[in-house]
């Protein structure tokens, strides 16, 4: 089974470990694609509702710092994906 979106084969869905806070917020802590190495999120820099302009989709966009780089992690209808270059 593949974790790729049929309409956009570059969109790879992720396994995400996150805290679900009592006030309803979701705070992602780490993620991995398939059987790849787990990636720890160093810091959440911003959270907002936004479209993924490169991959398509609408949801909550988390701007995260991972290993010194900023990435966009999206939560779209109970699924997670990264916006890649």
PDB file of N, CA and C in Angstrom:
ATOM      1  N   UNK A   1       0.843  -1.184   0.000  1.00  0.00           N
ATOM      2  CA  UNK A   1       0.000   0.000   0.000  1.00  0.00           C
ATOM      3  C   UNK A   1       0.885   1.243   0.000  1.00  0.00           C
ATOM      4  N   UNK A   2       0.554   2.174  -0.845  1.00  0.00           N
ATOM      5  CA  UNK A   2       1.340   3.405  -0.944  1.00  0.00           C
ATOM      6  C   UNK A   2       0.642   4.534  -0.197  1.00  0.00           C
ATOM      7  N   UNK A   3       1.418   5.473   0.281  1.00  0.00           N
ATOM      8  CA  UNK A   3       0.878   6.634   0.979  1.00  0.00           C
ATOM      9  C   UNK A   3       0.857   7.853   0.077  1.00  0.00           C
ATOM     10  N   UNK A   4       0.845   7.646  -1.231  1.00  0.00           N
ATOM     11  CA  UNK A   4       0.845   8.754  -2.188  1.00  0.00           C
ATOM     12  C   UNK A   4      -0.580   9.077  -2.616  1.00  0.00           C
ATOM     13  N   UNK A   5      -0.792  10.341  -2.925  1.00  0.00           N
ATOM     14  CA  UNK A   5      -2.078  10.817  -3.429  1.00  0.00           C
ATOM     15  C   UNK A   5      -2.133  10.542  -4.933  1.00  0.00           C
ATOM     16  N   UNK A   6      -3.170   9.884  -5.402  1.00  0.00           N
ATOM     17  CA  UNK A   6      -3.279   9.545  -6.828  1.00  0.00           C
ATOM     18  C   UNK A   6      -3.330  10.778  -7.714  1.00  0.00           C
ATOM     19  N   UNK A   7      -3.968  11.862  -7.257  1.00  0.00           N
ATOM     20  CA  UNK A   7      -4.055  13.088  -8.053  1.00  0.00           C
ATOM     21  C   UNK A   7      -2.743  13.845  -8.072  1.00  0.00           C
ATOM     22  N   UNK A   8      -1.948  13.679  -7.036  1.00  0.00           N
ATOM     23  CA  UNK A   8      -0.667  14.375  -6.932  1.00  0.00           C
ATOM     24  C   UNK A   8       0.356  13.396  -6.358  1.00  0.00           C
ATOM     25  N   UNK A   9       1.054  12.646  -7.211  1.00  0.00           N
ATOM     26  CA  UNK A   9       1.959  11.613  -6.712  1.00  0.00           C
ATOM     27  C   UNK A   9       3.119  12.130  -5.867  1.00  0.00           C
ATOM     28  N   UNK A  10       3.385  13.442  -5.880  1.00  0.00           N
ATOM     29  CA  UNK A  10       4.439  13.997  -5.027  1.00  0.00           C
ATOM     30  C   UNK A  10       3.957  14.195  -3.594  1.00  0.00           C
ATOM     31  N   UNK A  11       2.644  14.150  -3.372  1.00  0.00           N
ATOM     32  CA  UNK A  11       2.103  14.338  -2.024  1.00  0.00           C
ATOM     33  C   UNK A  11       2.178  12.999  -1.290  1.00  0.00           C
ATOM     34  N   UNK A  12       3.011  12.939  -0.278  1.00  0.00           N
ATOM     35  CA  UNK A  12       3.193  11.719   0.499  1.00  0.00           C
ATOM     36  C   UNK A  12       2.615  11.950   1.888  1.00  0.00           C
ATOM     37  N   UNK A  13       1.676  11.092   2.249  1.00  0.00           N
ATOM     38  CA  UNK A  13       1.074  11.195   3.570  1.00  0.00           C
ATOM     39  C   UNK A  13       2.013  10.611   4.619  1.00  0.00           C
ATOM     40  N   UNK A  14       1.946  11.160   5.820  1.00  0.00           N
ATOM     41  CA  UNK A  14       2.884  10.847   6.887  1.00  0.00           C
ATOM     42  C   UNK A  14       2.200  10.215   8.081  1.00  0.00           C
ATOM     43  N   UNK A  15       3.004   9.504   8.866  1.00  0.00           N
ATOM     44  CA  UNK A  15       2.600   9.090  10.206  1.00  0.00           C
ATOM     45  C   UNK A  15       3.071  10.213  11.128  1.00  0.00           C
ATOM     46  N   UNK A  16       2.179  10.727  11.966  1.00  0.00           N
ATOM     47  CA  UNK A  16       2.526  11.847  12.845  1.00  0.00           C
ATOM     48  C   UNK A  16       2.160  11.495  14.279  1.00  0.00           C
ATOM     49  N   UNK A  17       3.081  11.762  15.189  1.00  0.00           N
ATOM     50  CA  UNK A  17       2.788  11.648  16.614  1.00  0.00           C
ATOM     51  C   UNK A  17       2.567  13.063  17.118  1.00  0.00           C
ATOM     52  N   UNK A  18       1.423  13.277  17.782  1.00  0.00           N
ATOM     53  CA  UNK A  18       1.056  14.631  18.207  1.00  0.00           C
ATOM     54  C   UNK A  18       0.366  14.589  19.563  1.00  0.00           C
ATOM     55  N   UNK A  19       0.468  15.686  20.282  1.00  0.00           N
ATOM     56  CA  UNK A  19      -0.303  15.881  21.510  1.00  0.00           C
ATOM     57  C   UNK A  19      -1.628  16.525  21.145  1.00  0.00           C
ATOM     58  N   UNK A  20      -2.706  16.021  21.723  1.00  0.00           N
ATOM     59  CA  UNK A  20      -4.038  16.611  21.566  1.00  0.00           C
ATOM     60  C   UNK A  20      -4.376  17.261  22.908  1.00  0.00           C
ATOM     61  N   UNK A  21      -4.391  18.573  22.930  1.00  0.00           N
ATOM     62  CA  UNK A  21      -4.556  19.321  24.172  1.00  0.00           C
ATOM     63  C   UNK A  21      -6.026  19.444  24.557  1.00  0.00           C
ATOM     64  N   UNK A  22      -6.310  19.649  25.851  1.00  0.00           N
ATOM     65  CA  UNK A  22      -7.697  19.763  26.305  1.00  0.00           C
ATOM     66  C   UNK A  22      -8.480  20.883  25.626  1.00  0.00           C
ATOM     67  N   UNK A  23      -7.801  21.932  25.157  1.00  0.00           N
ATOM     68  CA  UNK A  23      -8.511  23.039  24.506  1.00  0.00           C
ATOM     69  C   UNK A  23      -8.779  22.772  23.021  1.00  0.00           C
ATOM     70  N   UNK A  24      -8.412  21.567  22.531  1.00  0.00           N
ATOM     71  CA  UNK A  24      -8.694  21.200  21.149  1.00  0.00           C
ATOM     72  C   UNK A  24      -7.530  21.367  20.194  1.00  0.00           C
ATOM     73  N   UNK A  25      -6.474  22.034  20.626  1.00  0.00           N
ATOM     74  CA  UNK A  25      -5.313  22.209  19.748  1.00  0.00           C
ATOM     75  C   UNK A  25      -4.571  20.886  19.567  1.00  0.00           C
ATOM     76  N   UNK A  26      -3.953  20.739  18.406  1.00  0.00           N
ATOM     77  CA  UNK A  26      -3.110  19.585  18.104  1.00  0.00           C
ATOM     78  C   UNK A  26      -1.693  20.100  17.914  1.00  0.00           C
ATOM     79  N   UNK A  27      -0.744  19.474  18.615  1.00  0.00           N
ATOM     80  CA  UNK A  27       0.656  19.893  18.542  1.00  0.00           C
ATOM     81  C   UNK A  27       1.481  18.715  18.021  1.00  0.00           C
ATOM     82  N   UNK A  28       1.891  18.751  16.740  1.00  0.00           N
ATOM     83  CA  UNK A  28       2.706  17.654  16.216  1.00  0.00           C
ATOM     84  C   UNK A  28       4.092  17.648  16.863  1.00  0.00           C
ATOM     85  N   UNK A  29       4.582  16.443  17.183  1.00  0.00           N
ATOM     86  CA  UNK A  29       5.871  16.290  17.849  1.00  0.00           C
ATOM     87  C   UNK A  29       6.927  15.667  16.945  1.00  0.00           C
ATOM     88  N   UNK A  30       6.518  14.696  16.124  1.00  0.00           N
ATOM     89  CA  UNK A  30       7.436  13.997  15.222  1.00  0.00           C
ATOM     90  C   UNK A  30       6.641  13.358  14.101  1.00  0.00           C
ATOM     91  N   UNK A  31       7.344  12.990  13.014  1.00  0.00           N
ATOM     92  CA  UNK A  31       6.666  12.370  11.878  1.00  0.00           C
ATOM     93  C   UNK A  31       7.613  11.433  11.152  1.00  0.00           C
ATOM     94  N   UNK A  32       7.032  10.574  10.297  1.00  0.00           N
ATOM     95  CA  UNK A  32       7.818   9.744   9.393  1.00  0.00           C
ATOM     96  C   UNK A  32       6.953   9.335   8.209  1.00  0.00           C
ATOM     97  N   UNK A  33       7.611   9.122   7.086  1.00  0.00           N
ATOM     98  CA  UNK A  33       6.945   8.675   5.862  1.00  0.00           C
ATOM     99  C   UNK A  33       7.230   7.188   5.706  1.00  0.00           C
ATOM    100  N   UNK A  34       6.192   6.381   5.723  1.00  0.00           N
ATOM    101  CA  UNK A  34       6.365   4.932   5.572  1.00  0.00           C
ATOM    102  C   UNK A  34       7.267   4.372   6.646  1.00  0.00           C
ATOM    103  N   UNK A  35       8.314   3.684   6.223  1.00  0.00           N
ATOM    104  CA  UNK A  35       9.261   3.078   7.164  1.00  0.00           C
ATOM    105  C   UNK A  35      10.535   3.908   7.313  1.00  0.00           C
ATOM    106  N   UNK A  36      10.509   5.149   6.825  1.00  0.00           N
ATOM    107  CA  UNK A  36      11.676   6.028   6.949  1.00  0.00           C
ATOM    108  C   UNK A  36      11.944   6.357   8.413  1.00  0.00           C
ATOM    109  N   UNK A  37      13.088   6.978   8.645  1.00  0.00           N
ATOM    110  CA  UNK A  37      13.489   7.386   9.987  1.00  0.00           C
ATOM    111  C   UNK A  37      12.524   8.424  10.551  1.00  0.00           C
ATOM    112  N   UNK A  38      12.274   8.344  11.845  1.00  0.00           N
ATOM    113  CA  UNK A  38      11.414   9.317  12.514  1.00  0.00           C
ATOM    114  C   UNK A  38      12.132  10.658  12.599  1.00  0.00           C
ATOM    115  N   UNK A  39      11.399  11.728  12.293  1.00  0.00           N
ATOM    116  CA  UNK A  39      11.936  13.086  12.312  1.00  0.00           C
ATOM    117  C   UNK A  39      11.274  13.848  13.457  1.00  0.00           C
ATOM    118  N   UNK A  40      12.079  14.374  14.351  1.00  0.00           N
ATOM    119  CA  UNK A  40      11.565  15.137  15.498  1.00  0.00           C
ATOM    120  C   UNK A  40      11.405  16.604  15.105  1.00  0.00           C
ATOM    121  N   UNK A  41      10.275  17.183  15.467  1.00  0.00           N
ATOM    122  CA  UNK A  41      10.014  18.605  15.224  1.00  0.00           C
ATOM    123  C   UNK A  41      10.642  19.388  16.370  1.00  0.00           C
ATOM    124  N   UNK A  42      11.552  20.294  16.042  1.00  0.00           N
ATOM    125  CA  UNK A  42      12.249  21.071  17.064  1.00  0.00           C
ATOM    126  C   UNK A  42      11.354  22.151  17.664  1.00  0.00           C
ATOM    127  N   UNK A  43      10.563  22.798  16.797  1.00  0.00           N
ATOM    128  CA  UNK A  43       9.724  23.902  17.280  1.00  0.00           C
ATOM    129  C   UNK A  43       8.613  24.188  16.280  1.00  0.00           C
ATOM    130  N   UNK A  44       7.431  24.533  16.795  1.00  0.00           N
ATOM    131  CA  UNK A  44       6.323  25.004  15.969  1.00  0.00           C
ATOM    132  C   UNK A  44       6.427  26.525  15.932  1.00  0.00           C
ATOM    133  N   UNK A  45       6.581  27.092  14.738  1.00  0.00           N
ATOM    134  CA  UNK A  45       6.756  28.537  14.592  1.00  0.00           C
ATOM    135  C   UNK A  45       5.444  29.267  14.336  1.00  0.00           C
ATOM    136  N   UNK A  46       4.479  28.582  13.674  1.00  0.00           N
ATOM    137  CA  UNK A  46       3.212  29.224  13.321  1.00  0.00           C
ATOM    138  C   UNK A  46       2.187  28.137  13.020  1.00  0.00           C
ATOM    139  N   UNK A  47       0.923  28.439  13.312  1.00  0.00           N
ATOM    140  CA  UNK A  47      -0.189  27.543  12.992  1.00  0.00           C
ATOM    141  C   UNK A  47      -1.297  28.398  12.418  1.00  0.00           C
ATOM    142  N   UNK A  48      -1.802  28.014  11.223  1.00  0.00           N
ATOM    143  CA  UNK A  48      -2.896  28.771  10.604  1.00  0.00           C
ATOM    144  C   UNK A  48      -3.615  27.904   9.586  1.00  0.00           C
ATOM    145  N   UNK A  49      -4.856  28.270   9.283  1.00  0.00           N
ATOM    146  CA  UNK A  49      -5.597  27.638   8.197  1.00  0.00           C
ATOM    147  C   UNK A  49      -5.045  28.192   6.891  1.00  0.00           C
ATOM    148  N   UNK A  50      -4.628  27.307   5.988  1.00  0.00           N
ATOM    149  CA  UNK A  50      -4.011  27.768   4.741  1.00  0.00           C
ATOM    150  C   UNK A  50      -4.030  26.650   3.707  1.00  0.00           C
ATOM    151  N   UNK A  51      -4.051  27.018   2.424  1.00  0.00           N
ATOM    152  CA  UNK A  51      -3.959  26.001   1.370  1.00  0.00           C
ATOM    153  C   UNK A  51      -2.508  25.587   1.153  1.00  0.00           C
ATOM    154  N   UNK A  52      -2.337  24.372   0.660  1.00  0.00           N
ATOM    155  CA  UNK A  52      -1.024  23.942   0.186  1.00  0.00           C
ATOM    156  C   UNK A  52      -0.964  24.299  -1.283  1.00  0.00           C
ATOM    157  N   UNK A  53      -0.243  25.348  -1.617  1.00  0.00           N
ATOM    158  CA  UNK A  53      -0.204  25.832  -2.992  1.00  0.00           C
ATOM    159  C   UNK A  53       0.543  24.879  -3.919  1.00  0.00           C
ATOM    160  N   UNK A  54       1.532  24.168  -3.405  1.00  0.00           N
ATOM    161  CA  UNK A  54       2.314  23.257  -4.241  1.00  0.00           C
ATOM    162  C   UNK A  54       1.664  21.886  -4.386  1.00  0.00           C
ATOM    163  N   UNK A  55       1.030  21.392  -3.329  1.00  0.00           N
ATOM    164  CA  UNK A  55       0.534  20.021  -3.321  1.00  0.00           C
ATOM    165  C   UNK A  55      -0.985  19.909  -3.447  1.00  0.00           C
ATOM    166  N   UNK A  56      -1.687  21.010  -3.261  1.00  0.00           N
ATOM    167  CA  UNK A  56      -3.147  20.962  -3.274  1.00  0.00           C
ATOM    168  C   UNK A  56      -3.671  20.538  -1.915  1.00  0.00           C
ATOM    169  N   UNK A  57      -4.836  21.004  -1.591  1.00  0.00           N
ATOM    170  CA  UNK A  57      -5.445  20.686  -0.303  1.00  0.00           C
ATOM    171  C   UNK A  57      -5.593  21.934   0.541  1.00  0.00           C
ATOM    172  N   UNK A  58      -6.432  21.846   1.537  1.00  0.00           N
ATOM    173  CA  UNK A  58      -6.710  22.952   2.450  1.00  0.00           C
ATOM    174  C   UNK A  58      -6.767  22.360   3.842  1.00  0.00           C
ATOM    175  N   UNK A  59      -6.160  23.022   4.786  1.00  0.00           N
ATOM    176  CA  UNK A  59      -6.198  22.519   6.148  1.00  0.00           C
ATOM    177  C   UNK A  59      -5.381  23.404   7.059  1.00  0.00           C
ATOM    178  N   UNK A  60      -4.946  22.815   8.156  1.00  0.00           N
ATOM    179  CA  UNK A  60      -4.124  23.535   9.110  1.00  0.00           C
ATOM    180  C   UNK A  60      -2.665  23.385   8.694  1.00  0.00           C
ATOM    181  N   UNK A  61      -2.002  24.527   8.509  1.00  0.00           N
ATOM    182  CA  UNK A  61      -0.588  24.521   8.132  1.00  0.00           C
ATOM    183  C   UNK A  61       0.251  24.836   9.363  1.00  0.00           C
ATOM    184  N   UNK A  62       1.162  23.943   9.685  1.00  0.00           N
ATOM    185  CA  UNK A  62       2.107  24.121  10.773  1.00  0.00           C
ATOM    186  C   UNK A  62       3.456  24.479  10.156  1.00  0.00           C
ATOM    187  N   UNK A  63       3.960  25.664  10.479  1.00  0.00           N
ATOM    188  CA  UNK A  63       5.314  26.020  10.082  1.00  0.00           C
ATOM    189  C   UNK A  63       6.218  25.511  11.196  1.00  0.00           C
ATOM    190  N   UNK A  64       7.119  24.591  10.860  1.00  0.00           N
ATOM    191  CA  UNK A  64       7.932  23.911  11.862  1.00  0.00           C
ATOM    192  C   UNK A  64       9.413  24.102  11.568  1.00  0.00           C
ATOM    193  N   UNK A  65      10.200  24.062  12.625  1.00  0.00           N
ATOM    194  CA  UNK A  65      11.651  24.026  12.466  1.00  0.00           C
ATOM    195  C   UNK A  65      12.090  22.587  12.720  1.00  0.00           C
ATOM    196  N   UNK A  66      12.792  22.031  11.724  1.00  0.00           N
ATOM    197  CA  UNK A  66      13.299  20.661  11.799  1.00  0.00           C
ATOM    198  C   UNK A  66      14.756  20.687  11.352  1.00  0.00           C
ATOM    199  N   UNK A  67      15.649  20.329  12.244  1.00  0.00           N
ATOM    200  CA  UNK A  67      17.088  20.282  11.935  1.00  0.00           C
ATOM    201  C   UNK A  67      17.570  21.582  11.294  1.00  0.00           C
ATOM    202  N   UNK A  68      17.117  22.715  11.831  1.00  0.00           N
ATOM    203  CA  UNK A  68      17.568  24.017  11.355  1.00  0.00           C
ATOM    204  C   UNK A  68      16.864  24.544  10.119  1.00  0.00           C
ATOM    205  N   UNK A  69      15.906  23.790   9.570  1.00  0.00           N
ATOM    206  CA  UNK A  69      15.178  24.233   8.384  1.00  0.00           C
ATOM    207  C   UNK A  69      13.703  24.419   8.708  1.00  0.00           C
ATOM    208  N   UNK A  70      13.061  25.363   7.996  1.00  0.00           N
ATOM    209  CA  UNK A  70      11.616  25.542   8.131  1.00  0.00           C
ATOM    210  C   UNK A  70      10.903  24.666   7.116  1.00  0.00           C
ATOM    211  N   UNK A  71       9.868  23.972   7.586  1.00  0.00           N
ATOM    212  CA  UNK A  71       9.044  23.141   6.710  1.00  0.00           C
ATOM    213  C   UNK A  71       7.584  23.476   6.964  1.00  0.00           C
ATOM    214  N   UNK A  72       6.733  23.140   6.004  1.00  0.00           N
ATOM    215  CA  UNK A  72       5.287  23.239   6.174  1.00  0.00           C
ATOM    216  C   UNK A  72       4.734  21.831   6.315  1.00  0.00           C
ATOM    217  N   UNK A  73       4.085  21.582   7.443  1.00  0.00           N
ATOM    218  CA  UNK A  73       3.414  20.321   7.720  1.00  0.00           C
ATOM    219  C   UNK A  73       1.919  20.610   7.727  1.00  0.00           C
ATOM    220  N   UNK A  74       1.149  19.870   6.934  1.00  0.00           N
ATOM    221  CA  UNK A  74      -0.288  20.115   6.800  1.00  0.00           C
ATOM    222  C   UNK A  74      -1.103  19.011   7.440  1.00  0.00           C
ATOM    223  N   UNK A  75      -2.171  19.414   8.116  1.00  0.00           N
ATOM    224  CA  UNK A  75      -3.176  18.498   8.654  1.00  0.00           C
ATOM    225  C   UNK A  75      -4.449  18.777   7.868  1.00  0.00           C
ATOM    226  N   UNK A  76      -4.814  17.837   6.990  1.00  0.00           N
ATOM    227  CA  UNK A  76      -5.919  18.022   6.049  1.00  0.00           C
ATOM    228  C   UNK A  76      -6.893  16.855   6.183  1.00  0.00           C
ATOM    229  N   UNK A  77      -8.045  17.111   6.785  1.00  0.00           N
ATOM    230  CA  UNK A  77      -9.082  16.081   6.950  1.00  0.00           C
ATOM    231  C   UNK A  77      -8.541  14.809   7.594  1.00  0.00           C
ATOM    232  N   UNK A  78      -7.943  14.924   8.740  1.00  0.00           N
ATOM    233  CA  UNK A  78      -7.430  13.796   9.524  1.00  0.00           C
ATOM    234  C   UNK A  78      -6.230  13.095   8.898  1.00  0.00           C
ATOM    235  N   UNK A  79      -5.593  13.707   7.911  1.00  0.00           N
ATOM    236  CA  UNK A  79      -4.368  13.162   7.317  1.00  0.00           C
ATOM    237  C   UNK A  79      -3.299  14.248   7.322  1.00  0.00           C
ATOM    238  N   UNK A  80      -2.052  13.818   7.365  1.00  0.00           N
ATOM    239  CA  UNK A  80      -0.914  14.727   7.435  1.00  0.00           C
ATOM    240  C   UNK A  80      -0.032  14.561   6.203  1.00  0.00           C
ATOM    241  N   UNK A  81       0.515  15.679   5.702  1.00  0.00           N
ATOM    242  CA  UNK A  81       1.499  15.612   4.621  1.00  0.00           C
ATOM    243  C   UNK A  81       2.431  16.809   4.693  1.00  0.00           C
ATOM    244  N   UNK A  82       3.596  16.672   4.031  1.00  0.00           N
ATOM    245  CA  UNK A  82       4.577  17.751   3.931  1.00  0.00           C
ATOM    246  C   UNK A  82       4.452  18.425   2.587  1.00  0.00           C
ATOM    247  N   UNK A  83       4.683  19.728   2.565  1.00  0.00           N
ATOM    248  CA  UNK A  83       4.822  20.432   1.298  1.00  0.00           C
ATOM    249  C   UNK A  83       6.301  20.401   0.954  1.00  0.00           C
ATOM    250  N   UNK A  84       6.648  19.771  -0.169  1.00  0.00           N
ATOM    251  CA  UNK A  84       8.043  19.596  -0.556  1.00  0.00           C
ATOM    252  C   UNK A  84       8.396  20.504  -1.715  1.00  0.00           C
ATOM    253  N   UNK A  85       9.678  20.624  -1.987  1.00  0.00           N
ATOM    254  CA  UNK A  85      10.172  21.465  -3.083  1.00  0.00           C
ATOM    255  C   UNK A  85       9.839  20.856  -4.425  1.00  0.00           C
TER     256      UNK A  85
END
